[in-house]
Amino acid sequence: MPDINLIRNISSGAIKEADKAYRKQPGSMRIGSDDVIVPFSEIFTTAVDNINTTNAYLSDAENEEIKWSLGLTESTHDLSIALQKAQIALQYTVAVRDRAIAAYREIMQMQI
């Protein structure tokens, strides 16, 4: 079972910003052994922003596919870039989701 501290190894800009915004507030979550507390609302907001970004990349890729298939553009370069961005963003989102589910399962297995 992976350790919940591994989620801190993700190096996206959003995670780095959340890392900078650590504050001690009521209703916060303790992350790692650094005695640092992160408000859950910041974690949730960052996750929602990442999902919105992924959706935007997927939409852009779909639009580029439609333009190319209708003959509105002949730039396969733009199409391949949009598809690659969408693929990487989706892989990242799935990886974060998998880590969150693993952390949830680990928490659920803890005995009270």
N, C-alpha and C. Protein backbone atom coordinates (compact mmCIF):
# COMPACT_ATOMS: atom_id res chain seq x y z
N MET A 1 0.85 -1.17 0.00
CA MET A 1 0.00 0.00 0.00
C MET A 1 0.90 1.24 0.00
N PRO A 2 0.71 2.17 -0.95
CA PRO A 2 1.56 3.35 -1.00
C PRO A 2 1.32 4.27 0.18
N ASP A 3 2.37 4.95 0.56
CA ASP A 3 2.30 5.89 1.67
C ASP A 3 1.66 7.18 1.19
N ILE A 4 0.82 7.80 2.02
CA ILE A 4 0.14 9.04 1.63
C ILE A 4 1.13 10.17 1.38
N ASN A 5 2.33 10.08 1.96
CA ASN A 5 3.33 11.13 1.75
C ASN A 5 3.82 11.17 0.31
N LEU A 6 3.60 10.12 -0.47
CA LEU A 6 4.05 10.10 -1.86
C LEU A 6 3.33 11.13 -2.72
N ILE A 7 2.13 11.55 -2.29
CA ILE A 7 1.40 12.54 -3.09
C ILE A 7 2.15 13.86 -3.15
N ARG A 8 3.04 14.11 -2.19
CA ARG A 8 3.83 15.34 -2.20
C ARG A 8 4.91 15.31 -3.27
N ASN A 9 5.19 14.14 -3.87
CA ASN A 9 6.21 14.02 -4.90
C ASN A 9 5.72 14.47 -6.27
N ILE A 10 4.43 14.76 -6.41
CA ILE A 10 3.89 15.24 -7.67
C ILE A 10 4.39 16.66 -7.88
N SER A 11 4.87 16.94 -9.07
CA SER A 11 5.53 18.23 -9.27
C SER A 11 4.78 19.12 -10.26
N SER A 12 3.48 19.28 -10.10
CA SER A 12 2.75 20.20 -10.96
C SER A 12 2.79 21.59 -10.34
N GLY A 13 2.48 22.57 -11.16
CA GLY A 13 2.45 23.93 -10.66
C GLY A 13 1.38 24.13 -9.60
N ALA A 14 0.24 23.48 -9.79
CA ALA A 14 -0.86 23.62 -8.82
C ALA A 14 -0.47 23.04 -7.47
N ILE A 15 0.21 21.88 -7.48
CA ILE A 15 0.63 21.27 -6.22
C ILE A 15 1.69 22.13 -5.56
N LYS A 16 2.60 22.71 -6.35
CA LYS A 16 3.62 23.58 -5.77
C LYS A 16 3.00 24.81 -5.14
N GLU A 17 1.95 25.37 -5.80
CA GLU A 17 1.27 26.53 -5.22
C GLU A 17 0.58 26.17 -3.92
N ALA A 18 -0.04 25.00 -3.88
CA ALA A 18 -0.70 24.55 -2.65
C ALA A 18 0.34 24.32 -1.56
N ASP A 19 1.52 23.85 -1.98
CA ASP A 19 2.60 23.62 -1.02
C ASP A 19 3.04 24.94 -0.38
N LYS A 20 3.06 26.02 -1.18
CA LYS A 20 3.46 27.33 -0.66
C LYS A 20 2.39 27.91 0.26
N ALA A 21 1.15 27.49 0.07
CA ALA A 21 0.03 28.09 0.79
C ALA A 21 -0.32 27.37 2.08
N TYR A 22 0.59 26.54 2.57
CA TYR A 22 0.32 25.82 3.82
C TYR A 22 0.07 26.83 4.94
N ARG A 23 -1.01 26.63 5.65
CA ARG A 23 -1.33 27.47 6.80
C ARG A 23 -1.91 26.62 7.90
N LYS A 24 -1.80 27.09 9.11
CA LYS A 24 -2.42 26.40 10.23
C LYS A 24 -3.79 27.03 10.44
N GLN A 25 -4.83 26.27 10.13
CA GLN A 25 -6.20 26.73 10.28
C GLN A 25 -7.05 25.59 10.81
N PRO A 26 -8.15 25.91 11.48
CA PRO A 26 -9.06 24.85 11.88
C PRO A 26 -9.68 24.21 10.64
N GLY A 27 -9.93 22.92 10.69
CA GLY A 27 -10.50 22.21 9.55
C GLY A 27 -9.47 21.90 8.50
N SER A 28 -8.21 21.81 8.89
CA SER A 28 -7.13 21.56 7.95
C SER A 28 -6.66 20.12 8.07
N MET A 29 -5.86 19.71 7.11
CA MET A 29 -5.30 18.36 7.12
C MET A 29 -3.80 18.43 7.35
N ARG A 30 -3.29 17.51 8.14
CA ARG A 30 -1.87 17.42 8.41
C ARG A 30 -1.24 16.55 7.33
N ILE A 31 -0.23 17.06 6.66
CA ILE A 31 0.43 16.35 5.57
C ILE A 31 1.86 16.06 5.97
N GLY A 32 2.26 14.80 5.92
CA GLY A 32 3.65 14.42 6.15
C GLY A 32 4.09 14.59 7.58
N SER A 33 5.39 14.50 7.78
CA SER A 33 5.94 14.59 9.12
C SER A 33 6.55 15.97 9.38
N ASP A 34 6.29 16.93 8.49
CA ASP A 34 6.86 18.27 8.62
C ASP A 34 6.04 19.15 9.57
N ASP A 35 4.99 18.59 10.18
CA ASP A 35 4.10 19.32 11.06
C ASP A 35 3.51 20.53 10.34
N VAL A 36 3.13 20.32 9.07
CA VAL A 36 2.54 21.36 8.24
C VAL A 36 1.07 21.02 8.05
N ILE A 37 0.23 22.04 8.11
CA ILE A 37 -1.21 21.82 7.99
C ILE A 37 -1.72 22.54 6.75
N VAL A 38 -2.52 21.81 5.94
CA VAL A 38 -3.08 22.36 4.71
C VAL A 38 -4.60 22.36 4.84
N PRO A 39 -5.24 23.49 4.59
CA PRO A 39 -6.70 23.50 4.61
C PRO A 39 -7.26 22.58 3.52
N PHE A 40 -8.26 21.79 3.87
CA PHE A 40 -8.85 20.88 2.90
C PHE A 40 -9.43 21.64 1.72
N SER A 41 -9.94 22.83 1.96
CA SER A 41 -10.53 23.61 0.87
C SER A 41 -9.51 23.92 -0.22
N GLU A 42 -8.25 24.14 0.16
CA GLU A 42 -7.21 24.40 -0.84
C GLU A 42 -6.90 23.15 -1.65
N ILE A 43 -6.87 22.00 -0.98
CA ILE A 43 -6.63 20.74 -1.69
C ILE A 43 -7.75 20.48 -2.67
N PHE A 44 -8.99 20.68 -2.22
CA PHE A 44 -10.15 20.44 -3.07
C PHE A 44 -10.18 21.42 -4.24
N THR A 45 -9.91 22.69 -3.99
CA THR A 45 -9.90 23.70 -5.05
C THR A 45 -8.84 23.39 -6.10
N THR A 46 -7.67 22.96 -5.65
CA THR A 46 -6.60 22.59 -6.57
C THR A 46 -7.00 21.40 -7.43
N ALA A 47 -7.65 20.42 -6.82
CA ALA A 47 -8.10 19.25 -7.57
C ALA A 47 -9.14 19.63 -8.62
N VAL A 48 -10.07 20.49 -8.26
CA VAL A 48 -11.10 20.93 -9.21
C VAL A 48 -10.46 21.73 -10.34
N ASP A 49 -9.50 22.59 -10.03
CA ASP A 49 -8.80 23.34 -11.08
C ASP A 49 -8.07 22.42 -12.04
N ASN A 50 -7.45 21.36 -11.51
CA ASN A 50 -6.76 20.40 -12.38
C ASN A 50 -7.74 19.68 -13.29
N ILE A 51 -8.90 19.33 -12.77
CA ILE A 51 -9.92 18.67 -13.59
C ILE A 51 -10.42 19.62 -14.68
N ASN A 52 -10.64 20.88 -14.34
CA ASN A 52 -11.08 21.86 -15.33
C ASN A 52 -10.04 22.06 -16.42
N THR A 53 -8.77 22.09 -16.04
CA THR A 53 -7.70 22.22 -17.02
C THR A 53 -7.66 21.02 -17.94
N THR A 54 -7.82 19.83 -17.38
CA THR A 54 -7.84 18.61 -18.19
C THR A 54 -9.00 18.65 -19.17
N ASN A 55 -10.17 19.06 -18.70
CA ASN A 55 -11.33 19.16 -19.59
C ASN A 55 -11.10 20.16 -20.72
N ALA A 56 -10.43 21.27 -20.41
CA ALA A 56 -10.13 22.26 -21.44
C ALA A 56 -9.19 21.68 -22.50
N TYR A 57 -8.16 20.94 -22.07
CA TYR A 57 -7.24 20.33 -23.02
C TYR A 57 -7.95 19.29 -23.88
N LEU A 58 -8.85 18.50 -23.28
CA LEU A 58 -9.60 17.51 -24.05
C LEU A 58 -10.52 18.18 -25.06
N SER A 59 -11.13 19.28 -24.66
CA SER A 59 -12.01 20.02 -25.57
C SER A 59 -11.21 20.63 -26.72
N ASP A 60 -10.04 21.19 -26.41
CA ASP A 60 -9.19 21.76 -27.46
C ASP A 60 -8.76 20.69 -28.45
N ALA A 61 -8.42 19.51 -27.95
CA ALA A 61 -8.01 18.42 -28.83
C ALA A 61 -9.16 18.00 -29.74
N GLU A 62 -10.36 17.92 -29.17
CA GLU A 62 -11.53 17.55 -29.97
C GLU A 62 -11.82 18.59 -31.04
N ASN A 63 -11.69 19.87 -30.67
CA ASN A 63 -11.90 20.94 -31.65
C ASN A 63 -10.88 20.88 -32.78
N GLU A 64 -9.62 20.61 -32.44
CA GLU A 64 -8.59 20.48 -33.48
C GLU A 64 -8.87 19.29 -34.39
N GLU A 65 -9.35 18.18 -33.83
CA GLU A 65 -9.71 17.02 -34.65
C GLU A 65 -10.84 17.37 -35.61
N ILE A 66 -11.84 18.10 -35.13
CA ILE A 66 -12.97 18.48 -35.98
C ILE A 66 -12.51 19.41 -37.09
N LYS A 67 -11.68 20.41 -36.76
CA LYS A 67 -11.17 21.33 -37.77
C LYS A 67 -10.38 20.59 -38.84
N TRP A 68 -9.54 19.65 -38.40
CA TRP A 68 -8.71 18.91 -39.34
C TRP A 68 -9.57 18.00 -40.23
N SER A 69 -10.56 17.33 -39.63
CA SER A 69 -11.38 16.41 -40.40
C SER A 69 -12.30 17.14 -41.38
N LEU A 70 -12.70 18.37 -41.06
CA LEU A 70 -13.53 19.16 -41.97
C LEU A 70 -12.72 19.91 -43.02
N GLY A 71 -11.41 19.84 -42.90
CA GLY A 71 -10.54 20.52 -43.86
C GLY A 71 -10.37 21.99 -43.59
N LEU A 72 -10.74 22.44 -42.41
CA LEU A 72 -10.58 23.86 -42.07
C LEU A 72 -9.14 24.21 -41.77
N THR A 73 -8.34 23.21 -41.46
CA THR A 73 -6.91 23.42 -41.23
C THR A 73 -6.15 22.22 -41.77
N GLU A 74 -4.94 22.47 -42.18
CA GLU A 74 -4.09 21.38 -42.65
C GLU A 74 -2.91 21.17 -41.72
N SER A 75 -2.94 21.81 -40.59
CA SER A 75 -1.83 21.75 -39.65
C SER A 75 -1.95 20.50 -38.77
N THR A 76 -1.24 19.48 -39.17
CA THR A 76 -1.22 18.27 -38.33
C THR A 76 -0.37 18.52 -37.09
N HIS A 77 0.49 19.51 -37.16
CA HIS A 77 1.33 19.86 -36.01
C HIS A 77 0.46 20.33 -34.84
N ASP A 78 -0.47 21.27 -35.11
CA ASP A 78 -1.37 21.75 -34.06
C ASP A 78 -2.24 20.62 -33.52
N LEU A 79 -2.68 19.75 -34.41
CA LEU A 79 -3.50 18.61 -33.99
C LEU A 79 -2.73 17.68 -33.08
N SER A 80 -1.50 17.36 -33.45
CA SER A 80 -0.72 16.44 -32.62
C SER A 80 -0.35 17.05 -31.28
N ILE A 81 -0.09 18.36 -31.25
CA ILE A 81 0.22 19.03 -29.98
C ILE A 81 -1.01 19.01 -29.07
N ALA A 82 -2.17 19.32 -29.61
CA ALA A 82 -3.40 19.33 -28.80
C ALA A 82 -3.70 17.94 -28.28
N LEU A 83 -3.53 16.92 -29.10
CA LEU A 83 -3.77 15.54 -28.67
C LEU A 83 -2.79 15.12 -27.58
N GLN A 84 -1.53 15.51 -27.73
CA GLN A 84 -0.52 15.15 -26.74
C GLN A 84 -0.78 15.84 -25.40
N LYS A 85 -1.15 17.12 -25.45
CA LYS A 85 -1.49 17.84 -24.21
C LYS A 85 -2.66 17.17 -23.50
N ALA A 86 -3.68 16.82 -24.26
CA ALA A 86 -4.86 16.18 -23.68
C ALA A 86 -4.50 14.83 -23.07
N GLN A 87 -3.67 14.06 -23.77
CA GLN A 87 -3.29 12.74 -23.27
C GLN A 87 -2.49 12.85 -21.97
N ILE A 88 -1.54 13.76 -21.93
CA ILE A 88 -0.71 13.92 -20.73
C ILE A 88 -1.55 14.44 -19.56
N ALA A 89 -2.43 15.41 -19.82
CA ALA A 89 -3.29 15.94 -18.75
C ALA A 89 -4.21 14.85 -18.20
N LEU A 90 -4.75 14.02 -19.09
CA LEU A 90 -5.62 12.94 -18.63
C LEU A 90 -4.85 11.90 -17.83
N GLN A 91 -3.65 11.56 -18.27
CA GLN A 91 -2.82 10.61 -17.51
C GLN A 91 -2.50 11.16 -16.12
N TYR A 92 -2.19 12.43 -16.04
CA TYR A 92 -1.88 13.07 -14.76
C TYR A 92 -3.09 13.05 -13.85
N THR A 93 -4.26 13.40 -14.39
CA THR A 93 -5.49 13.42 -13.60
C THR A 93 -5.82 12.02 -13.09
N VAL A 94 -5.66 11.02 -13.92
CA VAL A 94 -5.92 9.64 -13.50
C VAL A 94 -4.93 9.21 -12.42
N ALA A 95 -3.67 9.62 -12.54
CA ALA A 95 -2.67 9.27 -11.53
C ALA A 95 -3.00 9.91 -10.19
N VAL A 96 -3.42 11.16 -10.20
CA VAL A 96 -3.80 11.84 -8.96
C VAL A 96 -5.04 11.17 -8.36
N ARG A 97 -6.00 10.84 -9.21
CA ARG A 97 -7.20 10.14 -8.73
C ARG A 97 -6.84 8.81 -8.08
N ASP A 98 -5.96 8.05 -8.73
CA ASP A 98 -5.55 6.75 -8.19
C ASP A 98 -4.86 6.90 -6.83
N ARG A 99 -4.04 7.92 -6.70
CA ARG A 99 -3.37 8.16 -5.40
C ARG A 99 -4.36 8.57 -4.34
N ALA A 100 -5.34 9.39 -4.72
CA ALA A 100 -6.35 9.81 -3.75
C ALA A 100 -7.20 8.62 -3.30
N ILE A 101 -7.55 7.74 -4.23
CA ILE A 101 -8.32 6.55 -3.87
C ILE A 101 -7.49 5.63 -2.98
N ALA A 102 -6.22 5.47 -3.29
CA ALA A 102 -5.35 4.63 -2.45
C ALA A 102 -5.23 5.21 -1.04
N ALA A 103 -5.12 6.53 -0.94
CA ALA A 103 -5.04 7.17 0.38
C ALA A 103 -6.35 6.99 1.13
N TYR A 104 -7.47 7.12 0.44
CA TYR A 104 -8.77 6.93 1.07
C TYR A 104 -8.90 5.50 1.60
N ARG A 105 -8.51 4.53 0.79
CA ARG A 105 -8.57 3.13 1.22
C ARG A 105 -7.70 2.88 2.44
N GLU A 106 -6.53 3.50 2.43
CA GLU A 106 -5.62 3.34 3.57
C GLU A 106 -6.24 3.94 4.84
N ILE A 107 -6.87 5.09 4.71
CA ILE A 107 -7.53 5.71 5.84
C ILE A 107 -8.69 4.85 6.34
N MET A 108 -9.44 4.29 5.40
CA MET A 108 -10.59 3.46 5.78
C MET A 108 -10.17 2.16 6.48
N GLN A 109 -8.95 1.71 6.25
CA GLN A 109 -8.47 0.49 6.87
C GLN A 109 -7.89 0.74 8.26
N MET A 110 -7.71 2.00 8.62
CA MET A 110 -7.18 2.31 9.95
C MET A 110 -8.20 1.94 11.01
N GLN A 111 -7.70 1.41 12.10
CA GLN A 111 -8.58 1.05 13.20
C GLN A 111 -8.68 2.20 14.18
N ILE A 112 -9.86 2.41 14.65
CA ILE A 112 -10.10 3.53 15.57
C ILE A 112 -9.88 3.07 16.99
